[in-house]
């Protein structure tokens, strides 16, 4: 699981397993064929052995001709990569809706192979807004302007997704949202992502950035939990005896108060 000193649980939580679509279609008997004394041949079942146990979401290395979309699912315990049968062809940036809400819907969406239906950077709703985002392992994979590769928590060769970025204390987030710090897929760099504002004030407990008020981050409390902490930079000083912990390469010395 990729973490800095601040909580990164917004990664999949803001996105929100289930049937992986591997069962072959039921055979429908055609009356004409039955009258001729024979039944139509059933299609061969997908050969799951062609696929890696945990596929690479960026390189899309699923080999089965049917189950050829590598995406992120919830296996009942954690998030992991798995080859599924595509259920749509929506392009990068298109608005998308998952098959169901909660963990069961993760990965089950109408986005084309190589894309993931995510709500990161968009209003939480209800209903939640989501868009098809490109899987990535570095910023070099993100070809849309002002997007960077955000880390996703999970197991296996799970990579990140390209999401729009923002500037701390800036004005490039939608109404009711503000810019907080997330972690890049390289595991070291900070990046700004828009999120829906919560109500938690400095020092309040939190599980994700969305629990905290504007211009705050949910950071580790050192005991396995999280607390809301004010953001800071060279133009916004910390108060209450705290100091600014910079998170490079955020501009203007951006970070959080600790």
Protein backbone atom coordinates (compact mmCIF):
# COMPACT_ATOMS: atom_id res chain seq x y z
CA UNK A 1 0.00 0.00 0.00
CA UNK A 2 1.48 3.33 -1.03
CA UNK A 3 1.47 6.05 1.61
CA UNK A 4 3.28 9.23 2.63
CA UNK A 5 2.81 10.78 6.08
CA UNK A 6 -0.71 11.82 5.12
CA UNK A 7 -3.66 9.53 4.51
CA UNK A 8 -4.12 8.41 0.91
CA UNK A 9 -7.30 6.39 1.43
CA UNK A 10 -9.18 8.80 -0.86
CA UNK A 11 -7.68 6.98 -3.82
CA UNK A 12 -10.18 4.18 -4.15
CA UNK A 13 -12.66 5.44 -1.59
CA UNK A 14 -13.49 8.37 -3.81
CA UNK A 15 -13.92 6.08 -6.75
CA UNK A 16 -16.23 3.65 -4.75
CA UNK A 17 -15.68 -7.70 -6.56
CA UNK A 18 -18.60 -8.96 -7.98
CA UNK A 19 -19.31 -11.18 -10.99
CA UNK A 20 -16.29 -10.97 -13.25
CA UNK A 21 -18.28 -11.85 -16.36
CA UNK A 22 -16.33 -15.07 -16.91
CA UNK A 23 -19.35 -17.37 -17.33
CA UNK A 24 -20.00 -18.20 -21.01
CA UNK A 25 -23.35 -17.14 -22.41
CA UNK A 26 -26.14 -19.65 -21.93
CA UNK A 27 -26.82 -21.72 -25.01
CA UNK A 28 -30.09 -20.66 -26.69
CA UNK A 29 -31.54 -23.50 -28.78
CA UNK A 30 -32.66 -22.36 -32.20
CA UNK A 31 -35.92 -24.06 -33.20
CA UNK A 32 -34.88 -24.39 -36.85
CA UNK A 33 -31.62 -26.11 -35.90
CA UNK A 34 -33.53 -28.45 -33.57
CA UNK A 35 -35.87 -29.40 -36.40
CA UNK A 36 -32.85 -30.36 -38.49
CA UNK A 37 -31.86 -32.85 -35.86
CA UNK A 38 -28.95 -30.89 -34.40
CA UNK A 39 -28.17 -28.14 -31.91
CA UNK A 40 -26.00 -25.11 -32.52
CA UNK A 41 -22.45 -25.48 -31.25
CA UNK A 42 -21.80 -23.83 -27.91
CA UNK A 43 -18.96 -21.31 -27.97
CA UNK A 44 -15.84 -22.50 -26.14
CA UNK A 45 -15.56 -21.06 -22.64
CA UNK A 46 -12.94 -18.34 -22.08
CA UNK A 47 -9.55 -19.81 -21.24
CA UNK A 48 -8.70 -17.94 -18.05
CA UNK A 49 -5.36 -19.79 -17.93
CA UNK A 50 -4.14 -17.44 -20.68
CA UNK A 51 -4.36 -14.52 -18.27
CA UNK A 52 -1.97 -13.66 -15.43
CA UNK A 53 -3.37 -14.10 -11.93
CA UNK A 54 -2.90 -10.37 -11.36
CA UNK A 55 -2.65 -8.38 -14.59
CA UNK A 56 -0.88 -5.08 -15.24
CA UNK A 57 -3.45 -2.31 -15.56
CA UNK A 58 -1.11 -0.06 -17.55
CA UNK A 59 0.29 -2.53 -20.08
CA UNK A 60 -3.07 -4.38 -20.36
CA UNK A 61 -1.42 -7.81 -20.57
CA UNK A 62 -4.58 -9.95 -20.53
CA UNK A 63 -4.23 -12.61 -23.26
CA UNK A 64 -7.65 -14.25 -23.33
CA UNK A 65 -9.66 -13.00 -26.36
CA UNK A 66 -12.81 -12.59 -24.24
CA UNK A 67 -11.57 -11.62 -20.77
CA UNK A 68 -9.12 -9.03 -22.07
CA UNK A 69 -9.71 -5.95 -19.92
CA UNK A 70 -7.31 -5.55 -17.01
CA UNK A 71 -8.91 -3.42 -14.33
CA UNK A 72 -9.20 -2.97 -10.56
CA UNK A 73 -11.73 -5.00 -8.56
CA UNK A 74 -12.49 -5.65 -4.90
CA UNK A 75 -11.94 -9.32 -4.07
CA UNK A 76 -13.81 -9.18 -0.77
CA UNK A 77 -10.72 -8.27 1.22
CA UNK A 78 -8.64 -5.80 -0.78
CA UNK A 79 -8.36 -4.17 -4.18
CA UNK A 80 -6.48 -6.06 -6.86
CA UNK A 81 -6.05 -6.21 -10.63
CA UNK A 82 -7.94 -8.82 -12.64
CA UNK A 83 -8.83 -9.60 -16.27
CA UNK A 84 -12.52 -9.08 -16.99
CA UNK A 85 -14.76 -9.15 -20.04
CA UNK A 86 -15.24 -5.53 -21.28
CA UNK A 87 -18.79 -4.22 -20.88
CA UNK A 88 -18.43 -0.97 -22.82
CA UNK A 89 -16.27 1.20 -25.06
CA UNK A 90 -16.44 4.64 -23.43
CA UNK A 91 -13.36 6.79 -24.14
CA UNK A 92 -11.05 8.66 -21.77
CA UNK A 93 -12.87 11.57 -20.15
CA UNK A 94 -16.36 10.25 -20.93
CA UNK A 95 -18.92 10.29 -18.12
CA UNK A 96 -19.46 6.78 -16.76
CA UNK A 97 -21.66 4.90 -14.29
CA UNK A 98 -20.60 1.75 -12.46
CA UNK A 99 -22.73 -1.38 -12.46
CA UNK A 100 -23.37 -0.88 -8.74
CA UNK A 101 -22.29 1.38 -5.89
CA UNK A 102 -19.76 0.51 -3.20
CA UNK A 103 -16.90 -1.97 -3.50
CA UNK A 104 -19.00 -4.36 -5.59
CA UNK A 105 -19.04 -1.86 -8.45
CA UNK A 106 -15.30 -1.20 -8.57
CA UNK A 107 -13.97 -2.19 -12.00
CA UNK A 108 -17.39 -3.09 -13.39
CA UNK A 109 -18.07 -0.19 -15.71
CA UNK A 110 -18.59 0.70 -19.40
CA UNK A 111 -15.12 2.23 -19.90
CA UNK A 112 -12.93 0.68 -22.60
CA UNK A 113 -9.92 -1.48 -21.73
CA UNK A 114 -7.13 0.62 -20.22
CA UNK A 115 -9.60 2.97 -18.50
CA UNK A 116 -11.18 3.05 -15.04
CA UNK A 117 -14.44 4.71 -13.96
CA UNK A 118 -13.38 7.07 -11.16
CA UNK A 119 -14.91 9.94 -9.21
CA UNK A 120 -11.60 11.41 -8.05
CA UNK A 121 -11.60 15.16 -8.66
CA UNK A 122 -15.37 15.25 -9.25
CA UNK A 123 -18.31 16.08 -6.93
CA UNK A 124 -19.30 13.23 -4.63
CA UNK A 125 -23.02 13.67 -5.36
CA UNK A 126 -25.47 12.07 -4.82
CA UNK A 127 -25.42 10.66 -7.35
CA UNK A 128 -21.61 10.59 -7.59
CA UNK A 129 -20.02 11.97 -10.74
CA UNK A 130 -17.44 9.74 -12.46
CA UNK A 131 -15.35 9.76 -15.62
CA UNK A 132 -13.24 7.20 -17.49
CA UNK A 133 -9.60 7.74 -16.45
CA UNK A 134 -6.51 6.24 -18.06
CA UNK A 135 -4.42 3.71 -16.14
CA UNK A 136 -0.79 4.76 -15.73
CA UNK A 137 2.45 3.93 -13.98
CA UNK A 138 4.00 7.41 -14.34
CA UNK A 139 3.10 10.92 -15.42
CA UNK A 140 4.53 10.09 -18.86
CA UNK A 141 1.44 7.96 -19.51
CA UNK A 142 -0.87 10.93 -18.88
CA UNK A 143 -1.33 12.78 -22.16
CA UNK A 144 -4.18 15.12 -21.14
CA UNK A 145 -2.98 18.55 -20.01
CA UNK A 146 -2.92 19.16 -16.23
CA UNK A 147 -3.23 15.46 -15.35
CA UNK A 148 -0.83 13.36 -13.29
CA UNK A 149 -0.63 9.69 -12.28
CA UNK A 150 -2.39 9.19 -8.95
CA UNK A 151 -1.54 6.10 -6.86
CA UNK A 152 -4.21 3.48 -6.15
CA UNK A 153 -3.96 1.28 -3.06
CA UNK A 154 -4.06 -2.48 -3.58
CA UNK A 155 -2.05 -5.63 -4.29
CA UNK A 156 -0.20 -6.99 -7.30
CA UNK A 157 1.10 -4.90 -10.21
CA UNK A 158 -1.63 -2.33 -9.57
CA UNK A 159 -0.72 1.02 -11.05
CA UNK A 160 -2.39 4.44 -10.91
CA UNK A 161 -4.85 6.51 -12.92
CA UNK A 162 -4.44 9.86 -14.66
CA UNK A 163 -6.51 12.51 -12.87
CA UNK A 164 -6.82 16.30 -13.14
CA UNK A 165 -4.58 18.21 -10.75
CA UNK A 166 -5.14 21.44 -8.84
CA UNK A 167 -3.15 24.03 -6.90
CA UNK A 168 -3.40 24.33 -3.11
CA UNK A 169 -5.48 27.39 -2.16
CA UNK A 170 -6.27 27.85 -5.85
CA UNK A 171 -9.58 28.37 -7.63
CA UNK A 172 -9.50 25.48 -10.10
CA UNK A 173 -11.87 23.17 -8.17
CA UNK A 174 -15.65 23.18 -8.54
CA UNK A 175 -17.98 24.83 -6.01
CA UNK A 176 -18.12 22.91 -2.75
CA UNK A 177 -14.70 21.38 -3.40
CA UNK A 178 -11.11 22.32 -2.54
CA UNK A 179 -7.60 21.16 -3.40
CA UNK A 180 -5.88 18.65 -1.13
CA UNK A 181 -2.68 16.60 -1.34
CA UNK A 182 -2.62 13.08 -2.79
CA UNK A 183 0.34 10.84 -3.60
CA UNK A 184 1.73 10.24 -7.07
CA UNK A 185 2.12 6.67 -8.29
CA UNK A 186 5.90 7.01 -7.94
CA UNK A 187 5.31 6.77 -4.18
CA UNK A 188 7.22 9.94 -3.37
CA UNK A 189 5.75 13.05 -5.03
CA UNK A 190 2.75 14.98 -3.81
CA UNK A 191 0.07 16.20 -6.22
CA UNK A 192 -3.02 18.33 -5.76
CA UNK A 193 -6.45 16.76 -6.38
CA UNK A 194 -9.89 18.33 -5.97
CA UNK A 195 -12.22 16.72 -3.43
CA UNK A 196 -15.60 17.47 -1.88
CA UNK A 197 -15.34 19.48 1.35
CA UNK A 198 -16.23 17.84 4.64
CA UNK A 199 -16.91 19.42 8.04
CA UNK A 200 -13.95 18.22 10.11
CA UNK A 201 -11.83 20.95 11.68
CA UNK A 202 -8.14 20.87 12.61
CA UNK A 203 -7.49 17.99 15.02
CA UNK A 204 -10.76 16.16 14.29
CA UNK A 205 -10.54 12.47 13.40
CA UNK A 206 -10.87 11.47 9.74
CA UNK A 207 -10.61 8.54 7.36
CA UNK A 208 -10.19 10.53 4.13
CA UNK A 209 -9.62 14.08 2.89
CA UNK A 210 -13.35 14.35 2.20
CA UNK A 211 -13.99 14.23 5.97
CA UNK A 212 -12.11 17.50 6.46
CA UNK A 213 -13.06 21.11 5.76
CA UNK A 214 -11.65 23.11 2.85
CA UNK A 215 -7.87 23.59 2.65
CA UNK A 216 -7.09 20.64 4.89
CA UNK A 217 -5.70 17.12 4.60
CA UNK A 218 -6.37 13.94 6.49
CA UNK A 219 -2.94 12.99 7.88
CA UNK A 220 -1.73 10.11 10.02
CA UNK A 221 -2.18 10.53 13.77
CA UNK A 222 0.72 8.11 14.37
CA UNK A 223 -1.56 5.51 15.94
CA UNK A 224 -3.21 4.00 12.91
CA UNK A 225 -5.89 6.67 12.49
CA UNK A 226 -6.13 10.07 10.87
CA UNK A 227 -6.68 13.69 11.89
CA UNK A 228 -7.56 16.78 9.88
CA UNK A 229 -4.63 19.17 9.46
CA UNK A 230 -4.49 22.59 7.80
CA UNK A 231 -2.66 22.97 4.51
CA UNK A 232 0.12 25.51 4.14
CA UNK A 233 2.60 27.07 1.73
CA UNK A 234 4.87 30.12 1.60
CA UNK A 235 1.80 32.38 1.49
CA UNK A 236 -0.31 30.54 4.09
CA UNK A 237 1.43 30.05 7.44
CA UNK A 238 0.54 27.44 10.06
CA UNK A 239 -0.95 28.42 13.39
CA UNK A 240 -1.30 26.94 16.84
CA UNK A 241 2.38 26.18 17.28
CA UNK A 242 2.52 23.88 14.24
CA UNK A 243 4.94 24.12 11.33
CA UNK A 244 4.60 23.48 7.61
CA UNK A 245 5.77 20.10 6.34
CA UNK A 246 6.43 20.62 2.64
CA UNK A 247 5.48 17.86 0.18
CA UNK A 248 7.63 18.31 -2.97
CA UNK A 249 7.16 19.06 -5.79
CA UNK A 250 4.04 21.02 -4.82
CA UNK A 251 4.55 24.68 -5.84
CA UNK A 252 5.24 27.47 -3.37
CA UNK A 253 6.43 25.03 -0.68
CA UNK A 254 2.97 23.49 -0.35
CA UNK A 255 2.36 20.96 2.40
CA UNK A 256 0.44 20.43 5.66
CA UNK A 257 0.69 21.76 9.21
CA UNK A 258 2.01 19.36 11.82
